[in-house]
Amino acid sequence: MSAVIAKEDIPLYKIVPAFVDNTERWKKELEYAVRLGNEYKGKTHIIFETTQGPKEVETTVWSLTDGYLQLKGGMLIPLHSIIDIHF
């Protein structure tokens, strides 16, 4: 079970790699999240691993790089820390 947090609170947590790196598995979903955020202003639920356990944010995804998701407001989540995403 993940705790829902505000995207502004992401810097309060130390993000760590997920037990399994699902970066390749999530590739199409991550690309869709960027399109959803940029074209439709839609939000994505992202669950990621921290030293305090899984955390979840509901936010707009602005961009995708080889290593990070950039969220609205300039927050970054490392791809290797993502546990799950849903729309």
N, C-alpha and C. Protein backbone atom coordinates (compact mmCIF):
# COMPACT_ATOMS: atom_id res chain seq x y z
N MET A 1 0.84 -1.18 0.00
CA MET A 1 0.00 0.00 0.00
C MET A 1 0.89 1.24 0.00
N SER A 2 0.55 2.20 -0.83
CA SER A 2 1.35 3.42 -0.91
C SER A 2 0.60 4.58 -0.27
N ALA A 3 1.36 5.50 0.30
CA ALA A 3 0.78 6.71 0.88
C ALA A 3 0.73 7.79 -0.19
N VAL A 4 -0.41 8.46 -0.31
CA VAL A 4 -0.57 9.53 -1.29
C VAL A 4 0.03 10.81 -0.71
N ILE A 5 0.87 11.45 -1.52
CA ILE A 5 1.49 12.71 -1.11
C ILE A 5 1.29 13.75 -2.21
N ALA A 6 1.44 15.02 -1.85
CA ALA A 6 1.40 16.10 -2.84
C ALA A 6 2.73 16.14 -3.59
N LYS A 7 2.68 16.50 -4.85
CA LYS A 7 3.93 16.53 -5.64
C LYS A 7 4.94 17.50 -5.04
N GLU A 8 4.46 18.54 -4.38
CA GLU A 8 5.35 19.50 -3.74
C GLU A 8 6.13 18.89 -2.59
N ASP A 9 5.64 17.76 -2.07
CA ASP A 9 6.31 17.09 -0.95
C ASP A 9 7.35 16.06 -1.40
N ILE A 10 7.49 15.83 -2.68
CA ILE A 10 8.46 14.84 -3.18
C ILE A 10 9.87 15.11 -2.65
N PRO A 11 10.34 16.36 -2.61
CA PRO A 11 11.70 16.60 -2.11
C PRO A 11 11.91 16.23 -0.64
N LEU A 12 10.83 16.01 0.10
CA LEU A 12 10.95 15.63 1.51
C LEU A 12 11.35 14.16 1.69
N TYR A 13 11.31 13.39 0.61
CA TYR A 13 11.59 11.96 0.67
C TYR A 13 12.84 11.62 -0.13
N LYS A 14 13.57 10.63 0.35
CA LYS A 14 14.72 10.13 -0.40
C LYS A 14 14.22 9.02 -1.32
N ILE A 15 14.26 9.28 -2.62
CA ILE A 15 13.79 8.31 -3.61
C ILE A 15 14.90 7.29 -3.85
N VAL A 16 14.52 6.02 -3.84
CA VAL A 16 15.47 4.93 -4.03
C VAL A 16 14.97 4.02 -5.15
N PRO A 17 15.86 3.19 -5.71
CA PRO A 17 15.43 2.26 -6.77
C PRO A 17 14.36 1.29 -6.26
N ALA A 18 13.43 0.98 -7.14
CA ALA A 18 12.42 -0.04 -6.83
C ALA A 18 13.09 -1.40 -6.77
N PHE A 19 12.42 -2.35 -6.14
CA PHE A 19 12.96 -3.70 -6.03
C PHE A 19 13.28 -4.27 -7.41
N VAL A 20 12.42 -3.98 -8.40
CA VAL A 20 12.62 -4.40 -9.78
C VAL A 20 12.58 -3.16 -10.66
N ASP A 21 13.58 -2.99 -11.51
CA ASP A 21 13.61 -1.86 -12.44
C ASP A 21 12.68 -2.16 -13.61
N ASN A 22 11.55 -1.46 -13.67
CA ASN A 22 10.55 -1.68 -14.71
C ASN A 22 10.59 -0.62 -15.80
N THR A 23 11.71 0.07 -15.93
CA THR A 23 11.80 1.17 -16.89
C THR A 23 11.37 0.75 -18.29
N GLU A 24 11.88 -0.36 -18.78
CA GLU A 24 11.51 -0.81 -20.13
C GLU A 24 10.05 -1.23 -20.19
N ARG A 25 9.57 -1.84 -19.14
CA ARG A 25 8.18 -2.30 -19.09
C ARG A 25 7.22 -1.13 -19.17
N TRP A 26 7.57 0.00 -18.55
CA TRP A 26 6.69 1.16 -18.49
C TRP A 26 6.85 2.11 -19.66
N LYS A 27 7.75 1.84 -20.59
CA LYS A 27 8.08 2.80 -21.65
C LYS A 27 6.85 3.36 -22.36
N LYS A 28 5.97 2.52 -22.86
CA LYS A 28 4.80 3.01 -23.60
C LYS A 28 3.85 3.79 -22.68
N GLU A 29 3.68 3.32 -21.45
CA GLU A 29 2.81 4.02 -20.51
C GLU A 29 3.40 5.39 -20.15
N LEU A 30 4.71 5.46 -19.99
CA LEU A 30 5.35 6.74 -19.67
C LEU A 30 5.21 7.72 -20.82
N GLU A 31 5.37 7.24 -22.04
CA GLU A 31 5.19 8.11 -23.21
C GLU A 31 3.74 8.61 -23.29
N TYR A 32 2.80 7.72 -22.97
CA TYR A 32 1.40 8.12 -22.96
C TYR A 32 1.14 9.16 -21.87
N ALA A 33 1.76 9.00 -20.70
CA ALA A 33 1.60 9.96 -19.60
C ALA A 33 2.05 11.35 -20.02
N VAL A 34 3.14 11.44 -20.78
CA VAL A 34 3.62 12.73 -21.28
C VAL A 34 2.59 13.33 -22.24
N ARG A 35 2.08 12.51 -23.14
CA ARG A 35 1.08 13.00 -24.09
C ARG A 35 -0.19 13.44 -23.36
N LEU A 36 -0.62 12.64 -22.41
CA LEU A 36 -1.80 12.97 -21.61
C LEU A 36 -1.62 14.31 -20.91
N GLY A 37 -0.45 14.55 -20.34
CA GLY A 37 -0.18 15.79 -19.63
C GLY A 37 -0.07 16.99 -20.53
N ASN A 38 0.62 16.83 -21.64
CA ASN A 38 0.87 17.97 -22.53
C ASN A 38 -0.32 18.32 -23.43
N GLU A 39 -1.00 17.31 -23.96
CA GLU A 39 -2.08 17.58 -24.90
C GLU A 39 -3.44 17.74 -24.23
N TYR A 40 -3.66 17.00 -23.16
CA TYR A 40 -4.99 16.98 -22.54
C TYR A 40 -5.01 17.50 -21.10
N LYS A 41 -3.83 17.86 -20.57
CA LYS A 41 -3.70 18.34 -19.19
C LYS A 41 -4.21 17.31 -18.18
N GLY A 42 -4.17 16.03 -18.60
CA GLY A 42 -4.61 14.94 -17.74
C GLY A 42 -3.54 14.55 -16.74
N LYS A 43 -3.99 13.96 -15.63
CA LYS A 43 -3.08 13.58 -14.57
C LYS A 43 -2.83 12.07 -14.57
N THR A 44 -1.67 11.72 -14.06
CA THR A 44 -1.25 10.33 -13.95
C THR A 44 -0.94 10.03 -12.48
N HIS A 45 -1.30 8.84 -12.04
CA HIS A 45 -0.93 8.37 -10.70
C HIS A 45 0.39 7.63 -10.83
N ILE A 46 1.38 8.04 -10.07
CA ILE A 46 2.71 7.44 -10.12
C ILE A 46 3.06 6.95 -8.72
N ILE A 47 3.38 5.68 -8.61
CA ILE A 47 3.83 5.11 -7.34
C ILE A 47 5.32 4.85 -7.46
N PHE A 48 6.08 5.38 -6.51
CA PHE A 48 7.53 5.25 -6.56
C PHE A 48 8.06 4.88 -5.18
N GLU A 49 9.27 4.33 -5.16
CA GLU A 49 9.87 3.83 -3.92
C GLU A 49 10.69 4.90 -3.24
N THR A 50 10.55 4.98 -1.91
CA THR A 50 11.37 5.88 -1.09
C THR A 50 11.91 5.07 0.09
N THR A 51 12.80 5.68 0.85
CA THR A 51 13.33 5.01 2.04
C THR A 51 12.24 4.83 3.10
N GLN A 52 11.14 5.56 2.97
CA GLN A 52 10.03 5.45 3.91
C GLN A 52 8.87 4.63 3.34
N GLY A 53 9.16 3.87 2.29
CA GLY A 53 8.13 3.04 1.66
C GLY A 53 7.55 3.70 0.43
N PRO A 54 6.68 2.99 -0.27
CA PRO A 54 6.10 3.51 -1.52
C PRO A 54 5.27 4.76 -1.27
N LYS A 55 5.40 5.72 -2.18
CA LYS A 55 4.62 6.95 -2.15
C LYS A 55 3.92 7.10 -3.50
N GLU A 56 2.77 7.76 -3.49
CA GLU A 56 2.00 7.96 -4.72
C GLU A 56 1.68 9.43 -4.89
N VAL A 57 1.82 9.91 -6.11
CA VAL A 57 1.41 11.27 -6.47
C VAL A 57 0.46 11.20 -7.65
N GLU A 58 -0.46 12.14 -7.70
CA GLU A 58 -1.33 12.32 -8.86
C GLU A 58 -0.96 13.66 -9.44
N THR A 59 -0.41 13.65 -10.64
CA THR A 59 0.14 14.88 -11.19
C THR A 59 0.20 14.83 -12.71
N THR A 60 0.54 15.95 -13.29
CA THR A 60 0.75 16.06 -14.73
C THR A 60 2.21 15.78 -15.04
N VAL A 61 2.44 14.90 -16.02
CA VAL A 61 3.80 14.57 -16.45
C VAL A 61 4.14 15.48 -17.63
N TRP A 62 5.26 16.22 -17.50
CA TRP A 62 5.64 17.16 -18.56
C TRP A 62 6.59 16.57 -19.58
N SER A 63 7.56 15.78 -19.10
CA SER A 63 8.52 15.23 -20.06
C SER A 63 9.12 13.93 -19.54
N LEU A 64 9.77 13.23 -20.46
CA LEU A 64 10.41 11.95 -20.18
C LEU A 64 11.81 11.99 -20.75
N THR A 65 12.81 11.65 -19.93
CA THR A 65 14.18 11.53 -20.41
C THR A 65 14.61 10.07 -20.27
N ASP A 66 15.86 9.78 -20.54
CA ASP A 66 16.35 8.41 -20.38
C ASP A 66 16.32 7.97 -18.92
N GLY A 67 16.34 8.91 -17.99
CA GLY A 67 16.42 8.54 -16.59
C GLY A 67 15.35 9.07 -15.67
N TYR A 68 14.55 10.05 -16.14
CA TYR A 68 13.61 10.71 -15.23
C TYR A 68 12.28 11.04 -15.90
N LEU A 69 11.25 11.15 -15.04
CA LEU A 69 10.00 11.79 -15.41
C LEU A 69 10.05 13.19 -14.83
N GLN A 70 9.75 14.19 -15.62
CA GLN A 70 9.64 15.54 -15.10
C GLN A 70 8.17 15.86 -14.94
N LEU A 71 7.80 16.27 -13.74
CA LEU A 71 6.42 16.58 -13.42
C LEU A 71 6.17 18.07 -13.48
N LYS A 72 4.92 18.43 -13.53
CA LYS A 72 4.54 19.84 -13.45
C LYS A 72 5.16 20.42 -12.19
N GLY A 73 5.74 21.57 -12.28
CA GLY A 73 6.40 22.20 -11.14
C GLY A 73 7.88 21.88 -11.05
N GLY A 74 8.41 21.13 -12.05
CA GLY A 74 9.84 20.86 -12.09
C GLY A 74 10.32 19.70 -11.23
N MET A 75 9.43 18.95 -10.61
CA MET A 75 9.82 17.80 -9.80
C MET A 75 10.29 16.67 -10.72
N LEU A 76 11.29 15.92 -10.25
CA LEU A 76 11.81 14.79 -11.02
C LEU A 76 11.64 13.49 -10.24
N ILE A 77 11.26 12.43 -10.94
CA ILE A 77 11.19 11.09 -10.36
C ILE A 77 12.06 10.18 -11.22
N PRO A 78 13.06 9.53 -10.63
CA PRO A 78 13.90 8.61 -11.40
C PRO A 78 13.06 7.44 -11.92
N LEU A 79 13.28 7.07 -13.16
CA LEU A 79 12.51 5.98 -13.75
C LEU A 79 12.70 4.66 -13.01
N HIS A 80 13.93 4.41 -12.53
CA HIS A 80 14.19 3.13 -11.86
C HIS A 80 13.51 3.01 -10.51
N SER A 81 12.89 4.09 -10.02
CA SER A 81 12.19 4.04 -8.73
C SER A 81 10.69 3.81 -8.89
N ILE A 82 10.18 3.82 -10.11
CA ILE A 82 8.74 3.69 -10.35
C ILE A 82 8.28 2.25 -10.13
N ILE A 83 7.27 2.11 -9.29
CA ILE A 83 6.68 0.81 -9.00
C ILE A 83 5.49 0.55 -9.88
N ASP A 84 4.65 1.60 -10.07
CA ASP A 84 3.42 1.43 -10.86
C ASP A 84 2.97 2.80 -11.35
N ILE A 85 2.25 2.79 -12.46
CA ILE A 85 1.61 4.01 -12.96
C ILE A 85 0.22 3.63 -13.46
N HIS A 86 -0.72 4.54 -13.30
CA HIS A 86 -2.04 4.34 -13.88
C HIS A 86 -2.68 5.70 -14.14
N PHE A 87 -3.66 5.66 -15.00
CA PHE A 87 -4.28 6.90 -15.50
C PHE A 87 -5.69 7.03 -14.99
